[in-house]
Amino acid sequence: MPLLARHEGEWEGTYIYVDTDGKIIDRHRSHLSCTFPTEGEFPYLQINRYYWDDGRSEIIHFPARYADGRIWWDTERIRGWATSVPIDTESRTTMLMWVRKDMPDIYLYEMIQISADNQKRGRTWHWFRNDELYQRTIIQERRVG
């Protein structure tokens, strides 16, 4: 996945969660590390760090495998995949689908757009509960390393 390689590095941004009426229900800062370790069991590792204004924070590790043109997650928290979108002639679009294991009736689809210079990303998550859209996450990021 040459497109995934363009995402390697450190990213900072903001996650904004909105309900289907557009009302903000959560907002927090983020720092993501996207790496391709040369040693270990997993060829891809993403570490997400989240920071809320009230002092809460969370760090989540997302190791993934590569097979069949996709990366695959199966962690304690999620199960899912990511792949490039071959019809995107600009090679900027990555699609993901994942399920939270602690929320079995919920799944989401994510679209990531990376800028031509690989310095900015826009991401959107569409959350479904029992096949009905109930919220979205809007993420704007910039490369910091």
N, C-alpha and C. Protein backbone atom coordinates (compact mmCIF):
# COMPACT_ATOMS: atom_id res chain seq x y z
N MET A 1 0.83 -1.19 0.00
CA MET A 1 0.00 0.00 0.00
C MET A 1 0.87 1.25 0.00
N PRO A 2 1.30 1.70 -1.17
CA PRO A 2 2.12 2.93 -1.21
C PRO A 2 1.42 4.13 -0.58
N LEU A 3 0.09 4.19 -0.69
CA LEU A 3 -0.62 5.31 -0.10
C LEU A 3 -0.47 5.31 1.41
N LEU A 4 -0.55 4.15 2.04
CA LEU A 4 -0.39 4.09 3.49
C LEU A 4 0.98 4.59 3.92
N ALA A 5 2.00 4.30 3.13
CA ALA A 5 3.35 4.75 3.47
C ALA A 5 3.44 6.28 3.55
N ARG A 6 2.60 6.98 2.80
CA ARG A 6 2.58 8.45 2.85
C ARG A 6 2.10 8.97 4.19
N HIS A 7 1.44 8.13 4.98
CA HIS A 7 0.91 8.54 6.28
C HIS A 7 1.90 8.32 7.41
N GLU A 8 3.06 7.71 7.11
CA GLU A 8 4.04 7.45 8.15
C GLU A 8 4.49 8.76 8.78
N GLY A 9 4.56 8.77 10.11
CA GLY A 9 5.03 9.95 10.82
C GLY A 9 4.14 10.32 11.98
N GLU A 10 4.32 11.55 12.44
CA GLU A 10 3.61 12.09 13.60
C GLU A 10 2.57 13.11 13.14
N TRP A 11 1.35 12.98 13.66
CA TRP A 11 0.24 13.83 13.27
C TRP A 11 -0.44 14.41 14.50
N GLU A 12 -0.76 15.71 14.46
CA GLU A 12 -1.54 16.33 15.53
C GLU A 12 -2.80 16.91 14.93
N GLY A 13 -3.86 16.87 15.74
CA GLY A 13 -5.12 17.40 15.22
C GLY A 13 -6.19 17.50 16.27
N THR A 14 -7.41 17.63 15.77
CA THR A 14 -8.59 17.76 16.62
C THR A 14 -9.67 16.81 16.12
N TYR A 15 -10.27 16.09 17.05
CA TYR A 15 -11.42 15.22 16.78
C TYR A 15 -12.66 15.95 17.27
N ILE A 16 -13.65 16.07 16.40
CA ILE A 16 -14.93 16.66 16.78
C ILE A 16 -16.02 15.65 16.47
N TYR A 17 -16.76 15.24 17.50
CA TYR A 17 -17.88 14.30 17.34
C TYR A 17 -19.18 15.10 17.28
N VAL A 18 -20.00 14.80 16.29
CA VAL A 18 -21.29 15.48 16.14
C VAL A 18 -22.40 14.45 15.97
N ASP A 19 -23.59 14.81 16.48
CA ASP A 19 -24.74 13.93 16.26
C ASP A 19 -25.31 14.21 14.87
N THR A 20 -26.39 13.55 14.51
CA THR A 20 -26.94 13.70 13.16
C THR A 20 -27.55 15.07 12.91
N ASP A 21 -27.73 15.86 13.96
CA ASP A 21 -28.21 17.24 13.79
C ASP A 21 -27.04 18.23 13.73
N GLY A 22 -25.82 17.74 13.82
CA GLY A 22 -24.65 18.61 13.77
C GLY A 22 -24.24 19.18 15.11
N LYS A 23 -24.88 18.76 16.20
CA LYS A 23 -24.54 19.25 17.54
C LYS A 23 -23.26 18.57 18.01
N ILE A 24 -22.29 19.36 18.49
CA ILE A 24 -21.03 18.82 18.99
C ILE A 24 -21.29 18.08 20.29
N ILE A 25 -20.85 16.81 20.34
CA ILE A 25 -21.03 16.00 21.54
C ILE A 25 -19.70 15.66 22.21
N ASP A 26 -18.59 15.87 21.52
CA ASP A 26 -17.26 15.70 22.11
C ASP A 26 -16.25 16.38 21.21
N ARG A 27 -15.17 16.81 21.86
CA ARG A 27 -14.06 17.45 21.13
C ARG A 27 -12.79 17.20 21.92
N HIS A 28 -11.71 16.79 21.25
CA HIS A 28 -10.44 16.62 21.94
C HIS A 28 -9.28 16.71 20.94
N ARG A 29 -8.10 16.96 21.49
CA ARG A 29 -6.88 17.04 20.70
C ARG A 29 -6.30 15.63 20.54
N SER A 30 -5.46 15.48 19.52
CA SER A 30 -4.86 14.17 19.27
C SER A 30 -3.41 14.30 18.82
N HIS A 31 -2.68 13.23 19.06
CA HIS A 31 -1.34 13.05 18.51
C HIS A 31 -1.25 11.59 18.10
N LEU A 32 -1.07 11.33 16.81
CA LEU A 32 -0.99 9.97 16.28
C LEU A 32 0.40 9.71 15.75
N SER A 33 0.90 8.52 16.03
CA SER A 33 2.18 8.04 15.48
C SER A 33 1.87 6.87 14.56
N CYS A 34 2.23 7.00 13.30
CA CYS A 34 2.01 5.94 12.31
C CYS A 34 3.38 5.42 11.90
N THR A 35 3.67 4.16 12.22
CA THR A 35 5.00 3.62 12.00
C THR A 35 4.97 2.26 11.32
N PHE A 36 6.09 1.93 10.69
CA PHE A 36 6.31 0.63 10.07
C PHE A 36 7.54 0.02 10.75
N PRO A 37 7.34 -0.66 11.88
CA PRO A 37 8.48 -1.22 12.62
C PRO A 37 9.27 -2.22 11.78
N THR A 38 10.58 -2.19 11.91
CA THR A 38 11.41 -3.14 11.18
C THR A 38 11.55 -4.45 11.94
N GLU A 39 11.18 -4.46 13.21
CA GLU A 39 11.23 -5.67 14.02
C GLU A 39 9.89 -5.87 14.69
N GLY A 40 9.61 -7.10 15.08
CA GLY A 40 8.39 -7.39 15.80
C GLY A 40 7.37 -8.10 14.94
N GLU A 41 6.25 -8.38 15.55
CA GLU A 41 5.21 -9.19 14.94
C GLU A 41 4.38 -8.45 13.89
N PHE A 42 4.26 -7.14 14.02
CA PHE A 42 3.34 -6.39 13.17
C PHE A 42 4.08 -5.41 12.25
N PRO A 43 3.74 -5.41 10.97
CA PRO A 43 4.41 -4.51 10.03
C PRO A 43 3.91 -3.07 10.09
N TYR A 44 2.78 -2.84 10.80
CA TYR A 44 2.25 -1.48 10.95
C TYR A 44 1.82 -1.29 12.39
N LEU A 45 2.13 -0.12 12.95
CA LEU A 45 1.71 0.21 14.31
C LEU A 45 1.29 1.66 14.35
N GLN A 46 0.10 1.87 14.85
CA GLN A 46 -0.40 3.23 15.05
C GLN A 46 -0.67 3.41 16.53
N ILE A 47 -0.16 4.50 17.08
CA ILE A 47 -0.41 4.83 18.49
C ILE A 47 -1.17 6.15 18.52
N ASN A 48 -2.37 6.10 19.08
CA ASN A 48 -3.23 7.28 19.18
C ASN A 48 -3.20 7.80 20.61
N ARG A 49 -2.94 9.10 20.74
CA ARG A 49 -2.97 9.77 22.04
C ARG A 49 -4.04 10.85 21.97
N TYR A 50 -4.95 10.81 22.94
CA TYR A 50 -6.06 11.77 22.96
C TYR A 50 -5.97 12.59 24.24
N TYR A 51 -6.30 13.90 24.13
CA TYR A 51 -6.21 14.82 25.25
C TYR A 51 -7.46 15.72 25.28
N TRP A 52 -8.17 15.70 26.42
CA TRP A 52 -9.34 16.54 26.61
C TRP A 52 -8.97 17.74 27.48
N ASP A 53 -9.72 18.81 27.32
CA ASP A 53 -9.46 20.03 28.09
C ASP A 53 -9.64 19.83 29.59
N ASP A 54 -10.45 18.84 30.00
CA ASP A 54 -10.67 18.60 31.44
C ASP A 54 -9.56 17.79 32.09
N GLY A 55 -8.48 17.49 31.33
CA GLY A 55 -7.35 16.76 31.88
C GLY A 55 -7.34 15.27 31.57
N ARG A 56 -8.43 14.73 31.06
CA ARG A 56 -8.43 13.31 30.69
C ARG A 56 -7.50 13.08 29.52
N SER A 57 -6.97 11.86 29.45
CA SER A 57 -6.15 11.47 28.31
C SER A 57 -6.28 9.97 28.11
N GLU A 58 -5.94 9.52 26.91
CA GLU A 58 -6.02 8.10 26.58
C GLU A 58 -4.95 7.79 25.54
N ILE A 59 -4.30 6.64 25.67
CA ILE A 59 -3.32 6.18 24.69
C ILE A 59 -3.74 4.79 24.25
N ILE A 60 -3.85 4.59 22.93
CA ILE A 60 -4.30 3.31 22.38
C ILE A 60 -3.31 2.86 21.31
N HIS A 61 -2.91 1.59 21.36
CA HIS A 61 -2.02 1.00 20.38
C HIS A 61 -2.85 0.19 19.40
N PHE A 62 -2.59 0.39 18.10
CA PHE A 62 -3.30 -0.32 17.04
C PHE A 62 -2.30 -1.02 16.12
N PRO A 63 -1.79 -2.19 16.51
CA PRO A 63 -0.92 -2.95 15.61
C PRO A 63 -1.77 -3.58 14.50
N ALA A 64 -1.18 -3.72 13.30
CA ALA A 64 -1.94 -4.27 12.18
C ALA A 64 -1.05 -5.15 11.31
N ARG A 65 -1.72 -6.07 10.62
CA ARG A 65 -1.07 -6.97 9.66
C ARG A 65 -1.44 -6.51 8.25
N TYR A 66 -0.68 -6.98 7.26
CA TYR A 66 -0.96 -6.67 5.87
C TYR A 66 -1.28 -7.97 5.13
N ALA A 67 -2.40 -7.98 4.39
CA ALA A 67 -2.78 -9.14 3.57
C ALA A 67 -3.85 -8.71 2.58
N ASP A 68 -3.80 -9.27 1.40
CA ASP A 68 -4.85 -9.06 0.39
C ASP A 68 -5.07 -7.59 0.05
N GLY A 69 -3.99 -6.80 0.03
CA GLY A 69 -4.10 -5.40 -0.35
C GLY A 69 -4.68 -4.49 0.73
N ARG A 70 -4.77 -4.99 1.96
CA ARG A 70 -5.32 -4.19 3.06
C ARG A 70 -4.44 -4.37 4.30
N ILE A 71 -4.57 -3.41 5.22
CA ILE A 71 -4.06 -3.67 6.55
C ILE A 71 -5.26 -4.10 7.40
N TRP A 72 -5.00 -5.00 8.33
CA TRP A 72 -6.05 -5.61 9.14
C TRP A 72 -5.73 -5.42 10.62
N TRP A 73 -6.73 -4.94 11.36
CA TRP A 73 -6.62 -4.82 12.81
C TRP A 73 -7.46 -5.90 13.47
N ASP A 74 -6.94 -6.45 14.55
CA ASP A 74 -7.71 -7.32 15.43
C ASP A 74 -7.07 -7.19 16.80
N THR A 75 -7.49 -6.14 17.52
CA THR A 75 -6.92 -5.82 18.82
C THR A 75 -7.99 -6.06 19.89
N GLU A 76 -7.65 -5.79 21.13
CA GLU A 76 -8.65 -5.90 22.20
C GLU A 76 -9.81 -4.95 21.97
N ARG A 77 -9.56 -3.83 21.30
CA ARG A 77 -10.58 -2.79 21.14
C ARG A 77 -11.34 -2.87 19.82
N ILE A 78 -10.63 -3.13 18.71
CA ILE A 78 -11.29 -3.08 17.40
C ILE A 78 -10.92 -4.27 16.52
N ARG A 79 -11.76 -4.47 15.52
CA ARG A 79 -11.50 -5.40 14.42
C ARG A 79 -11.89 -4.66 13.16
N GLY A 80 -11.00 -4.67 12.14
CA GLY A 80 -11.33 -3.97 10.91
C GLY A 80 -10.20 -3.96 9.91
N TRP A 81 -10.35 -3.12 8.89
CA TRP A 81 -9.39 -3.07 7.79
C TRP A 81 -9.28 -1.65 7.25
N ALA A 82 -8.20 -1.45 6.46
CA ALA A 82 -7.99 -0.19 5.73
C ALA A 82 -7.41 -0.52 4.38
N THR A 83 -7.80 0.24 3.36
CA THR A 83 -7.26 0.04 2.02
C THR A 83 -7.33 1.34 1.24
N SER A 84 -6.50 1.44 0.23
CA SER A 84 -6.57 2.60 -0.67
C SER A 84 -7.78 2.42 -1.58
N VAL A 85 -8.19 3.52 -2.20
CA VAL A 85 -9.34 3.50 -3.11
C VAL A 85 -8.79 3.59 -4.53
N PRO A 86 -8.80 2.47 -5.27
CA PRO A 86 -8.13 2.45 -6.57
C PRO A 86 -8.71 3.42 -7.60
N ILE A 87 -9.97 3.79 -7.49
CA ILE A 87 -10.55 4.71 -8.48
C ILE A 87 -10.14 6.16 -8.24
N ASP A 88 -9.47 6.44 -7.11
CA ASP A 88 -8.97 7.78 -6.83
C ASP A 88 -7.68 7.99 -7.62
N THR A 89 -7.77 8.67 -8.75
CA THR A 89 -6.61 8.85 -9.62
C THR A 89 -5.55 9.77 -9.00
N GLU A 90 -5.91 10.50 -7.94
CA GLU A 90 -4.95 11.36 -7.24
C GLU A 90 -4.21 10.60 -6.13
N SER A 91 -4.63 9.37 -5.84
CA SER A 91 -4.02 8.54 -4.79
C SER A 91 -3.96 9.26 -3.44
N ARG A 92 -5.10 9.80 -3.03
CA ARG A 92 -5.18 10.51 -1.75
C ARG A 92 -6.15 9.86 -0.77
N THR A 93 -6.96 8.89 -1.20
CA THR A 93 -8.07 8.39 -0.39
C THR A 93 -7.79 7.01 0.19
N THR A 94 -7.97 6.90 1.50
CA THR A 94 -7.92 5.63 2.21
C THR A 94 -9.28 5.41 2.85
N MET A 95 -9.79 4.19 2.76
CA MET A 95 -11.06 3.83 3.40
C MET A 95 -10.79 2.81 4.48
N LEU A 96 -11.52 2.93 5.58
CA LEU A 96 -11.43 1.99 6.69
C LEU A 96 -12.83 1.56 7.10
N MET A 97 -12.92 0.37 7.64
CA MET A 97 -14.13 -0.10 8.31
C MET A 97 -13.67 -0.79 9.57
N TRP A 98 -14.30 -0.46 10.69
CA TRP A 98 -13.97 -1.18 11.90
C TRP A 98 -15.15 -1.25 12.85
N VAL A 99 -15.05 -2.25 13.73
CA VAL A 99 -16.07 -2.51 14.73
C VAL A 99 -15.40 -2.42 16.09
N ARG A 100 -16.04 -1.71 17.00
CA ARG A 100 -15.57 -1.70 18.39
C ARG A 100 -16.04 -2.99 19.05
N LYS A 101 -15.12 -3.76 19.59
CA LYS A 101 -15.49 -5.05 20.18
C LYS A 101 -16.37 -4.90 21.41
N ASP A 102 -16.28 -3.76 22.10
CA ASP A 102 -17.12 -3.54 23.28
C ASP A 102 -18.49 -2.96 22.91
N MET A 103 -18.73 -2.74 21.62
CA MET A 103 -20.01 -2.21 21.13
C MET A 103 -20.42 -3.03 19.91
N PRO A 104 -20.87 -4.26 20.09
CA PRO A 104 -21.07 -5.16 18.95
C PRO A 104 -22.14 -4.72 17.95
N ASP A 105 -23.05 -3.85 18.33
CA ASP A 105 -24.08 -3.39 17.39
C ASP A 105 -23.65 -2.12 16.65
N ILE A 106 -22.37 -1.71 16.83
CA ILE A 106 -21.88 -0.47 16.23
C ILE A 106 -20.71 -0.77 15.30
N TYR A 107 -20.70 -0.12 14.14
CA TYR A 107 -19.56 -0.18 13.23
C TYR A 107 -19.39 1.20 12.63
N LEU A 108 -18.24 1.43 12.03
CA LEU A 108 -18.04 2.72 11.38
C LEU A 108 -17.21 2.58 10.13
N TYR A 109 -17.41 3.54 9.25
CA TYR A 109 -16.59 3.67 8.06
C TYR A 109 -15.86 5.00 8.16
N GLU A 110 -14.60 4.99 7.76
CA GLU A 110 -13.78 6.19 7.81
C GLU A 110 -13.18 6.45 6.43
N MET A 111 -13.14 7.71 6.06
CA MET A 111 -12.44 8.12 4.85
C MET A 111 -11.34 9.09 5.26
N ILE A 112 -10.14 8.85 4.75
CA ILE A 112 -9.00 9.73 5.01
C ILE A 112 -8.54 10.32 3.68
N GLN A 113 -8.36 11.62 3.65
CA GLN A 113 -7.80 12.31 2.49
C GLN A 113 -6.47 12.92 2.93
N ILE A 114 -5.40 12.59 2.24
CA ILE A 114 -4.09 13.18 2.53
C ILE A 114 -3.77 14.19 1.43
N SER A 115 -3.16 15.30 1.81
CA SER A 115 -2.84 16.35 0.85
C SER A 115 -1.74 15.89 -0.10
N ALA A 116 -1.63 16.56 -1.23
CA ALA A 116 -0.62 16.22 -2.24
C ALA A 116 0.80 16.30 -1.68
N ASP A 117 1.02 17.24 -0.72
CA ASP A 117 2.36 17.38 -0.14
C ASP A 117 2.56 16.52 1.11
N ASN A 118 1.57 15.68 1.44
CA ASN A 118 1.63 14.75 2.58
C ASN A 118 1.74 15.44 3.94
N GLN A 119 1.31 16.69 4.03
CA GLN A 119 1.46 17.45 5.28
C GLN A 119 0.15 17.67 6.03
N LYS A 120 -0.99 17.39 5.40
CA LYS A 120 -2.29 17.61 6.02
C LYS A 120 -3.20 16.42 5.72
N ARG A 121 -4.11 16.14 6.66
CA ARG A 121 -5.10 15.09 6.45
C ARG A 121 -6.46 15.58 6.93
N GLY A 122 -7.49 15.16 6.22
CA GLY A 122 -8.86 15.33 6.65
C GLY A 122 -9.48 13.96 6.75
N ARG A 123 -10.16 13.69 7.86
CA ARG A 123 -10.73 12.37 8.09
C ARG A 123 -12.17 12.53 8.56
N THR A 124 -13.03 11.63 8.13
CA THR A 124 -14.40 11.60 8.62
C THR A 124 -14.77 10.16 8.96
N TRP A 125 -15.45 10.02 10.10
CA TRP A 125 -15.97 8.71 10.51
C TRP A 125 -17.49 8.81 10.47
N HIS A 126 -18.12 7.79 9.94
CA HIS A 126 -19.58 7.66 9.97
C HIS A 126 -19.92 6.48 10.85
N TRP A 127 -20.55 6.75 12.00
CA TRP A 127 -20.88 5.73 12.99
C TRP A 127 -22.29 5.21 12.75
N PHE A 128 -22.44 3.88 12.75
CA PHE A 128 -23.75 3.25 12.56
C PHE A 128 -24.06 2.35 13.75
N ARG A 129 -25.29 2.46 14.23
CA ARG A 129 -25.80 1.56 15.27
C ARG A 129 -26.99 0.84 14.67
N ASN A 130 -26.91 -0.49 14.63
CA ASN A 130 -27.97 -1.28 13.99
C ASN A 130 -28.27 -0.77 12.59
N ASP A 131 -27.20 -0.48 11.84
CA ASP A 131 -27.27 -0.02 10.44
C ASP A 131 -27.91 1.36 10.26
N GLU A 132 -27.97 2.14 11.32
CA GLU A 132 -28.49 3.50 11.20
C GLU A 132 -27.43 4.51 11.65
N LEU A 133 -27.15 5.50 10.80
CA LEU A 133 -26.19 6.54 11.13
C LEU A 133 -26.64 7.29 12.37
N TYR A 134 -25.76 7.41 13.37
CA TYR A 134 -26.15 8.15 14.57
C TYR A 134 -25.15 9.24 14.97
N GLN A 135 -23.93 9.22 14.42
CA GLN A 135 -22.99 10.31 14.70
C GLN A 135 -21.86 10.28 13.68
N ARG A 136 -21.12 11.38 13.64
CA ARG A 136 -19.94 11.48 12.78
C ARG A 136 -18.79 12.04 13.61
N THR A 137 -17.58 11.71 13.17
CA THR A 137 -16.38 12.30 13.75
C THR A 137 -15.65 13.01 12.62
N ILE A 138 -15.28 14.25 12.88
CA ILE A 138 -14.59 15.08 11.90
C ILE A 138 -13.20 15.34 12.46
N ILE A 139 -12.16 15.00 11.69
CA ILE A 139 -10.79 15.10 12.18
C ILE A 139 -9.96 15.91 11.18
N GLN A 140 -9.27 16.89 11.70
CA GLN A 140 -8.34 17.68 10.88
C GLN A 140 -6.97 17.55 11.51
N GLU A 141 -5.97 17.15 10.69
CA GLU A 141 -4.63 16.90 11.23
C GLU A 141 -3.55 17.55 10.37
N ARG A 142 -2.40 17.76 11.01
CA ARG A 142 -1.22 18.24 10.28
C ARG A 142 -0.03 17.42 10.74
N ARG A 143 0.90 17.23 9.83
CA ARG A 143 2.11 16.46 10.15
C ARG A 143 3.01 17.31 11.03
N VAL A 144 3.54 16.71 12.09
CA VAL A 144 4.45 17.41 12.99
C VAL A 144 5.79 16.69 13.08
N GLY A 145 5.95 15.62 12.36
CA GLY A 145 7.22 14.90 12.40
C GLY A 145 7.19 13.69 11.50
